[in-house]
């Protein structure tokens, strides 16, 4: 991503947010081909030069808009991976992840990104290099930590596990009748449990005779 910061007044975060929101909306509506820097500027209510001062190409801008939507508050920090139990990290984000992946906007975004991989590979190349690869490195570190804890098989191919987790979610949300947030939560728990990154709660739900197990 090219984020060009010139001298002068500090950037206005509200302007940045408006531009990113406009870019994401236009991309979902019309794909890469139906999105231009001029259209983004108009929808965001700013001048075209304001957009170009921040992002040099629409691919850079769309990639950041997508990443901001997909990964907000869901990606663990290197410190978290070092200090926390991997399953604790997953438990801390899984409900928010279910809400996000069950939303119609996320489903539309996934469909656009999948189509763009063929019709406009430059966007996927930018997105992969600047956003996906750093997240995969964090996921690899998380899985290695889980291997040390003994919850992920020591001989597991971590690249394959990451592909399996990402692919499972992608395939599920693109089905004709995708799950709602509750259904997606159950699905994510199952996916992470198969990998070794999720454990069911040791407490049963409250009931007439529920006691700690």
C-alpha atoms as a PDB file:
ATOM      1  CA  UNK A   1       0.000   0.000   0.000  1.00  0.00           C
ATOM      2  CA  UNK A   2       1.199   3.485  -0.794  1.00  0.00           C
ATOM      3  CA  UNK A   3       0.158   5.911   1.904  1.00  0.00           C
ATOM      4  CA  UNK A   4       1.742   9.208   0.968  1.00  0.00           C
ATOM      5  CA  UNK A   5       2.050  11.670   3.809  1.00  0.00           C
ATOM      6  CA  UNK A   6       3.032  15.169   2.808  1.00  0.00           C
ATOM      7  CA  UNK A   7       4.209  17.988   4.951  1.00  0.00           C
ATOM      8  CA  UNK A   8       1.719  20.365   6.466  1.00  0.00           C
ATOM      9  CA  UNK A   9      -1.391  19.816   8.508  1.00  0.00           C
ATOM     10  CA  UNK A  10      -1.933  16.427  10.156  1.00  0.00           C
ATOM     11  CA  UNK A  11      -4.305  14.110   8.334  1.00  0.00           C
ATOM     12  CA  UNK A  12      -7.914  14.190   9.441  1.00  0.00           C
ATOM     13  CA  UNK A  13      -8.950  10.681  10.574  1.00  0.00           C
ATOM     14  CA  UNK A  14     -12.585  11.432   9.754  1.00  0.00           C
ATOM     15  CA  UNK A  15     -11.596  12.193   6.152  1.00  0.00           C
ATOM     16  CA  UNK A  16      -9.617   8.955   5.973  1.00  0.00           C
ATOM     17  CA  UNK A  17     -12.602   7.020   7.331  1.00  0.00           C
ATOM     18  CA  UNK A  18     -14.996   8.611   4.834  1.00  0.00           C
ATOM     19  CA  UNK A  19     -12.705   7.758   1.924  1.00  0.00           C
ATOM     20  CA  UNK A  20     -12.222   4.164   3.058  1.00  0.00           C
ATOM     21  CA  UNK A  21     -15.962   3.730   3.593  1.00  0.00           C
ATOM     22  CA  UNK A  22     -16.734   5.137   0.134  1.00  0.00           C
ATOM     23  CA  UNK A  23     -14.129   2.885  -1.490  1.00  0.00           C
ATOM     24  CA  UNK A  24     -15.551  -0.211   0.185  1.00  0.00           C
ATOM     25  CA  UNK A  25     -19.153   0.633  -0.760  1.00  0.00           C
ATOM     26  CA  UNK A  26     -18.273   1.272  -4.395  1.00  0.00           C
ATOM     27  CA  UNK A  27     -16.164  -1.876  -4.625  1.00  0.00           C
ATOM     28  CA  UNK A  28     -18.987  -4.031  -3.260  1.00  0.00           C
ATOM     29  CA  UNK A  29     -21.479  -2.375  -5.601  1.00  0.00           C
ATOM     30  CA  UNK A  30     -19.461  -2.496  -8.814  1.00  0.00           C
ATOM     31  CA  UNK A  31     -16.191  -4.335  -8.329  1.00  0.00           C
ATOM     32  CA  UNK A  32     -12.795  -2.920  -9.264  1.00  0.00           C
ATOM     33  CA  UNK A  33     -13.907  -2.064 -12.763  1.00  0.00           C
ATOM     34  CA  UNK A  34     -16.853  -0.064 -11.449  1.00  0.00           C
ATOM     35  CA  UNK A  35     -14.786   1.930  -8.973  1.00  0.00           C
ATOM     36  CA  UNK A  36     -12.649   4.976  -9.698  1.00  0.00           C
ATOM     37  CA  UNK A  37     -10.767   7.470  -7.581  1.00  0.00           C
ATOM     38  CA  UNK A  38     -13.134  10.168  -8.870  1.00  0.00           C
ATOM     39  CA  UNK A  39     -16.200   8.221  -7.732  1.00  0.00           C
ATOM     40  CA  UNK A  40     -14.636   7.547  -4.345  1.00  0.00           C
ATOM     41  CA  UNK A  41     -13.843  11.228  -3.839  1.00  0.00           C
ATOM     42  CA  UNK A  42     -17.364  12.248  -4.814  1.00  0.00           C
ATOM     43  CA  UNK A  43     -19.049   9.775  -2.478  1.00  0.00           C
ATOM     44  CA  UNK A  44     -16.708  10.683   0.383  1.00  0.00           C
ATOM     45  CA  UNK A  45     -17.406  14.374  -0.155  1.00  0.00           C
ATOM     46  CA  UNK A  46     -13.772  15.329  -0.727  1.00  0.00           C
ATOM     47  CA  UNK A  47     -11.659  16.501  -3.628  1.00  0.00           C
ATOM     48  CA  UNK A  48      -9.911  13.982  -5.865  1.00  0.00           C
ATOM     49  CA  UNK A  49      -6.549  15.437  -4.874  1.00  0.00           C
ATOM     50  CA  UNK A  50      -7.341  14.668  -1.239  1.00  0.00           C
ATOM     51  CA  UNK A  51      -7.703  10.998  -2.140  1.00  0.00           C
ATOM     52  CA  UNK A  52      -4.531  10.900  -4.243  1.00  0.00           C
ATOM     53  CA  UNK A  53      -2.531  12.507  -1.457  1.00  0.00           C
ATOM     54  CA  UNK A  54      -3.329   9.469   0.679  1.00  0.00           C
ATOM     55  CA  UNK A  55      -3.404   6.591  -1.828  1.00  0.00           C
ATOM     56  CA  UNK A  56      -1.666   6.534  -5.188  1.00  0.00           C
ATOM     57  CA  UNK A  57      -3.896   3.868  -6.787  1.00  0.00           C
ATOM     58  CA  UNK A  58      -7.415   2.598  -6.329  1.00  0.00           C
ATOM     59  CA  UNK A  59      -6.021  -0.894  -5.710  1.00  0.00           C
ATOM     60  CA  UNK A  60      -4.072   0.391  -2.697  1.00  0.00           C
ATOM     61  CA  UNK A  61      -7.155   2.182  -1.421  1.00  0.00           C
ATOM     62  CA  UNK A  62      -9.572  -0.716  -1.922  1.00  0.00           C
ATOM     63  CA  UNK A  63      -7.131  -3.155  -0.339  1.00  0.00           C
ATOM     64  CA  UNK A  64      -6.870  -1.047   2.802  1.00  0.00           C
ATOM     65  CA  UNK A  65     -10.630  -0.546   2.928  1.00  0.00           C
ATOM     66  CA  UNK A  66     -11.170  -4.306   2.731  1.00  0.00           C
ATOM     67  CA  UNK A  67      -8.542  -5.048   5.358  1.00  0.00           C
ATOM     68  CA  UNK A  68      -9.915  -2.492   7.778  1.00  0.00           C
ATOM     69  CA  UNK A  69     -13.324  -4.130   7.539  1.00  0.00           C
ATOM     70  CA  UNK A  70     -12.136  -7.728   7.740  1.00  0.00           C
ATOM     71  CA  UNK A  71      -9.551  -7.491  10.485  1.00  0.00           C
ATOM     72  CA  UNK A  72     -10.727  -4.775  12.852  1.00  0.00           C
ATOM     73  CA  UNK A  73     -10.035  -5.985  16.406  1.00  0.00           C
ATOM     74  CA  UNK A  74      -9.764  -9.618  15.260  1.00  0.00           C
ATOM     75  CA  UNK A  75      -6.029  -9.989  14.633  1.00  0.00           C
ATOM     76  CA  UNK A  76      -3.906 -10.773  17.714  1.00  0.00           C
ATOM     77  CA  UNK A  77      -0.750  -8.806  18.346  1.00  0.00           C
ATOM     78  CA  UNK A  78       2.672 -10.480  18.552  1.00  0.00           C
ATOM     79  CA  UNK A  79       2.628  -9.771  22.302  1.00  0.00           C
ATOM     80  CA  UNK A  80      -0.721 -11.532  22.676  1.00  0.00           C
ATOM     81  CA  UNK A  81       0.630 -14.584  20.877  1.00  0.00           C
ATOM     82  CA  UNK A  82       3.666 -14.654  23.149  1.00  0.00           C
ATOM     83  CA  UNK A  83       1.835 -14.076  26.418  1.00  0.00           C
ATOM     84  CA  UNK A  84      -1.584 -15.734  26.039  1.00  0.00           C
ATOM     85  CA  UNK A  85      -2.759 -19.288  25.552  1.00  0.00           C
ATOM     86  CA  UNK A  86      -3.681 -19.667  21.836  1.00  0.00           C
ATOM     87  CA  UNK A  87      -7.122 -21.019  22.736  1.00  0.00           C
ATOM     88  CA  UNK A  88      -7.661 -18.035  25.010  1.00  0.00           C
ATOM     89  CA  UNK A  89      -6.950 -15.737  22.056  1.00  0.00           C
ATOM     90  CA  UNK A  90      -9.490 -17.558  19.884  1.00  0.00           C
ATOM     91  CA  UNK A  91     -12.103 -17.480  22.640  1.00  0.00           C
ATOM     92  CA  UNK A  92     -11.618 -13.715  22.927  1.00  0.00           C
ATOM     93  CA  UNK A  93     -12.424 -12.990  19.279  1.00  0.00           C
ATOM     94  CA  UNK A  94     -14.635 -15.831  18.092  1.00  0.00           C
ATOM     95  CA  UNK A  95     -17.990 -14.171  18.807  1.00  0.00           C
ATOM     96  CA  UNK A  96     -16.966 -10.958  17.016  1.00  0.00           C
ATOM     97  CA  UNK A  97     -15.646 -13.053  14.125  1.00  0.00           C
ATOM     98  CA  UNK A  98     -18.978 -14.873  13.879  1.00  0.00           C
ATOM     99  CA  UNK A  99     -20.911 -11.597  13.800  1.00  0.00           C
ATOM    100  CA  UNK A 100     -18.656 -10.218  11.061  1.00  0.00           C
ATOM    101  CA  UNK A 101     -18.567 -13.291   8.828  1.00  0.00           C
ATOM    102  CA  UNK A 102     -22.345 -13.794   9.059  1.00  0.00           C
ATOM    103  CA  UNK A 103     -23.121 -10.281   7.822  1.00  0.00           C
ATOM    104  CA  UNK A 104     -24.441  -9.790   4.265  1.00  0.00           C
ATOM    105  CA  UNK A 105     -21.782  -7.118   3.699  1.00  0.00           C
ATOM    106  CA  UNK A 106     -18.995  -9.598   4.442  1.00  0.00           C
ATOM    107  CA  UNK A 107     -20.540 -12.174   2.129  1.00  0.00           C
ATOM    108  CA  UNK A 108     -20.724  -9.612  -0.683  1.00  0.00           C
ATOM    109  CA  UNK A 109     -17.160  -8.551  -0.007  1.00  0.00           C
ATOM    110  CA  UNK A 110     -15.854 -12.125  -0.163  1.00  0.00           C
ATOM    111  CA  UNK A 111     -17.667 -12.673  -3.461  1.00  0.00           C
ATOM    112  CA  UNK A 112     -16.128  -9.513  -4.927  1.00  0.00           C
ATOM    113  CA  UNK A 113     -12.635 -10.402  -3.767  1.00  0.00           C
ATOM    114  CA  UNK A 114     -12.879 -13.927  -5.152  1.00  0.00           C
ATOM    115  CA  UNK A 115     -14.022 -12.590  -8.513  1.00  0.00           C
ATOM    116  CA  UNK A 116     -11.308  -9.952  -8.558  1.00  0.00           C
ATOM    117  CA  UNK A 117      -8.617 -12.608  -8.166  1.00  0.00           C
ATOM    118  CA  UNK A 118      -9.329 -13.529 -11.788  1.00  0.00           C
ATOM    119  CA  UNK A 119     -10.746 -10.358 -13.337  1.00  0.00           C
ATOM    120  CA  UNK A 120      -8.380  -7.897 -11.657  1.00  0.00           C
ATOM    121  CA  UNK A 121      -5.354  -9.756 -10.242  1.00  0.00           C
ATOM    122  CA  UNK A 122      -3.541  -6.517  -9.405  1.00  0.00           C
ATOM    123  CA  UNK A 123      -5.941  -5.880  -6.515  1.00  0.00           C
ATOM    124  CA  UNK A 124      -5.413  -9.371  -5.097  1.00  0.00           C
ATOM    125  CA  UNK A 125      -1.652  -8.990  -5.464  1.00  0.00           C
ATOM    126  CA  UNK A 126      -1.685  -5.728  -3.488  1.00  0.00           C
ATOM    127  CA  UNK A 127      -4.062  -7.103  -0.882  1.00  0.00           C
ATOM    128  CA  UNK A 128      -2.108 -10.336  -0.497  1.00  0.00           C
ATOM    129  CA  UNK A 129       1.288  -8.669  -0.194  1.00  0.00           C
ATOM    130  CA  UNK A 130       0.349  -5.895   2.235  1.00  0.00           C
ATOM    131  CA  UNK A 131      -2.407  -7.493   4.304  1.00  0.00           C
ATOM    132  CA  UNK A 132      -2.813 -11.255   3.897  1.00  0.00           C
ATOM    133  CA  UNK A 133       0.855 -12.230   4.268  1.00  0.00           C
ATOM    134  CA  UNK A 134       1.329 -10.298   7.559  1.00  0.00           C
ATOM    135  CA  UNK A 135      -1.805 -11.971   8.961  1.00  0.00           C
ATOM    136  CA  UNK A 136      -0.604 -15.388   7.840  1.00  0.00           C
ATOM    137  CA  UNK A 137       2.667 -14.780   9.665  1.00  0.00           C
ATOM    138  CA  UNK A 138       0.713 -14.049  12.846  1.00  0.00           C
ATOM    139  CA  UNK A 139      -1.447 -17.127  12.313  1.00  0.00           C
ATOM    140  CA  UNK A 140       1.678 -19.231  11.832  1.00  0.00           C
ATOM    141  CA  UNK A 141       3.121 -17.888  15.081  1.00  0.00           C
ATOM    142  CA  UNK A 142      -0.160 -18.671  16.860  1.00  0.00           C
ATOM    143  CA  UNK A 143      -0.189 -22.233  15.557  1.00  0.00           C
ATOM    144  CA  UNK A 144       3.454 -22.756  16.500  1.00  0.00           C
ATOM    145  CA  UNK A 145       2.623 -21.629  19.999  1.00  0.00           C
ATOM    146  CA  UNK A 146      -0.268 -24.106  20.030  1.00  0.00           C
ATOM    147  CA  UNK A 147       2.140 -26.837  18.924  1.00  0.00           C
ATOM    148  CA  UNK A 148       4.322 -26.002  21.901  1.00  0.00           C
ATOM    149  CA  UNK A 149       1.257 -26.254  24.141  1.00  0.00           C
ATOM    150  CA  UNK A 150       0.433 -29.643  22.624  1.00  0.00           C
ATOM    151  CA  UNK A 151      -3.004 -28.743  21.238  1.00  0.00           C
ATOM    152  CA  UNK A 152      -1.917 -28.740  17.569  1.00  0.00           C
ATOM    153  CA  UNK A 153      -0.103 -31.767  16.171  1.00  0.00           C
ATOM    154  CA  UNK A 154       3.665 -31.317  16.190  1.00  0.00           C
ATOM    155  CA  UNK A 155       3.979 -32.535  12.600  1.00  0.00           C
ATOM    156  CA  UNK A 156       1.065 -30.460  11.217  1.00  0.00           C
ATOM    157  CA  UNK A 157       1.680 -28.433   8.042  1.00  0.00           C
ATOM    158  CA  UNK A 158       0.831 -24.950   9.287  1.00  0.00           C
ATOM    159  CA  UNK A 159       0.352 -23.452   5.820  1.00  0.00           C
ATOM    160  CA  UNK A 160      -2.219 -26.133   5.078  1.00  0.00           C
ATOM    161  CA  UNK A 161      -4.001 -25.526   8.397  1.00  0.00           C
ATOM    162  CA  UNK A 162      -4.243 -21.802   7.679  1.00  0.00           C
ATOM    163  CA  UNK A 163      -5.614 -22.495   4.190  1.00  0.00           C
ATOM    164  CA  UNK A 164      -8.126 -24.920   5.673  1.00  0.00           C
ATOM    165  CA  UNK A 165      -9.410 -22.410   8.224  1.00  0.00           C
ATOM    166  CA  UNK A 166      -9.647 -19.522   5.753  1.00  0.00           C
ATOM    167  CA  UNK A 167     -11.103 -21.740   3.041  1.00  0.00           C
ATOM    168  CA  UNK A 168     -13.725 -23.207   5.365  1.00  0.00           C
ATOM    169  CA  UNK A 169     -15.097 -19.781   6.254  1.00  0.00           C
ATOM    170  CA  UNK A 170     -14.986 -18.570   2.650  1.00  0.00           C
ATOM    171  CA  UNK A 171     -16.821 -21.633   1.359  1.00  0.00           C
ATOM    172  CA  UNK A 172     -19.430 -21.515   4.096  1.00  0.00           C
ATOM    173  CA  UNK A 173     -20.398 -17.844   3.604  1.00  0.00           C
ATOM    174  CA  UNK A 174     -20.730 -18.295  -0.173  1.00  0.00           C
ATOM    175  CA  UNK A 175     -23.251 -21.113   0.127  1.00  0.00           C
ATOM    176  CA  UNK A 176     -26.811 -20.334  -1.059  1.00  0.00           C
ATOM    177  CA  UNK A 177     -28.155 -20.366   2.509  1.00  0.00           C
ATOM    178  CA  UNK A 178     -25.319 -19.095   4.722  1.00  0.00           C
ATOM    179  CA  UNK A 179     -25.620 -19.356   8.509  1.00  0.00           C
ATOM    180  CA  UNK A 180     -26.680 -16.522  10.761  1.00  0.00           C
ATOM    181  CA  UNK A 181     -24.380 -15.266  13.520  1.00  0.00           C
ATOM    182  CA  UNK A 182     -25.357 -18.066  15.924  1.00  0.00           C
ATOM    183  CA  UNK A 183     -24.849 -20.704  13.254  1.00  0.00           C
ATOM    184  CA  UNK A 184     -21.534 -19.202  12.219  1.00  0.00           C
ATOM    185  CA  UNK A 185     -20.388 -19.189  15.841  1.00  0.00           C
ATOM    186  CA  UNK A 186     -21.077 -22.917  16.109  1.00  0.00           C
ATOM    187  CA  UNK A 187     -19.307 -23.484  12.801  1.00  0.00           C
ATOM    188  CA  UNK A 188     -16.217 -21.497  13.801  1.00  0.00           C
ATOM    189  CA  UNK A 189     -16.017 -23.373  17.097  1.00  0.00           C
ATOM    190  CA  UNK A 190     -16.073 -26.633  15.150  1.00  0.00           C
ATOM    191  CA  UNK A 191     -13.399 -25.452  12.707  1.00  0.00           C
ATOM    192  CA  UNK A 192     -11.053 -24.269  15.434  1.00  0.00           C
ATOM    193  CA  UNK A 193     -11.712 -27.354  17.551  1.00  0.00           C
ATOM    194  CA  UNK A 194     -10.665 -29.609  14.670  1.00  0.00           C
ATOM    195  CA  UNK A 195      -7.416 -27.679  14.335  1.00  0.00           C
ATOM    196  CA  UNK A 196      -6.747 -27.602  18.079  1.00  0.00           C
ATOM    197  CA  UNK A 197      -7.343 -23.902  18.730  1.00  0.00           C
ATOM    198  CA  UNK A 198     -10.667 -24.111  20.559  1.00  0.00           C
ATOM    199  CA  UNK A 199     -11.878 -26.007  23.569  1.00  0.00           C
ATOM    200  CA  UNK A 200     -15.503 -26.218  24.759  1.00  0.00           C
ATOM    201  CA  UNK A 201     -16.284 -24.469  28.010  1.00  0.00           C
ATOM    202  CA  UNK A 202     -15.823 -26.761  31.037  1.00  0.00           C
ATOM    203  CA  UNK A 203     -19.175 -25.517  32.377  1.00  0.00           C
ATOM    204  CA  UNK A 204     -22.549 -26.707  31.175  1.00  0.00           C
ATOM    205  CA  UNK A 205     -25.304 -24.213  30.443  1.00  0.00           C
ATOM    206  CA  UNK A 206     -27.478 -23.416  33.489  1.00  0.00           C
ATOM    207  CA  UNK A 207     -30.326 -25.865  33.848  1.00  0.00           C
ATOM    208  CA  UNK A 208     -32.423 -27.712  36.428  1.00  0.00           C
ATOM    209  CA  UNK A 209     -29.535 -29.904  37.551  1.00  0.00           C
ATOM    210  CA  UNK A 210     -26.507 -28.237  35.980  1.00  0.00           C
ATOM    211  CA  UNK A 211     -23.299 -28.608  37.947  1.00  0.00           C
ATOM    212  CA  UNK A 212     -19.660 -28.007  37.064  1.00  0.00           C
ATOM    213  CA  UNK A 213     -18.168 -30.960  35.203  1.00  0.00           C
END
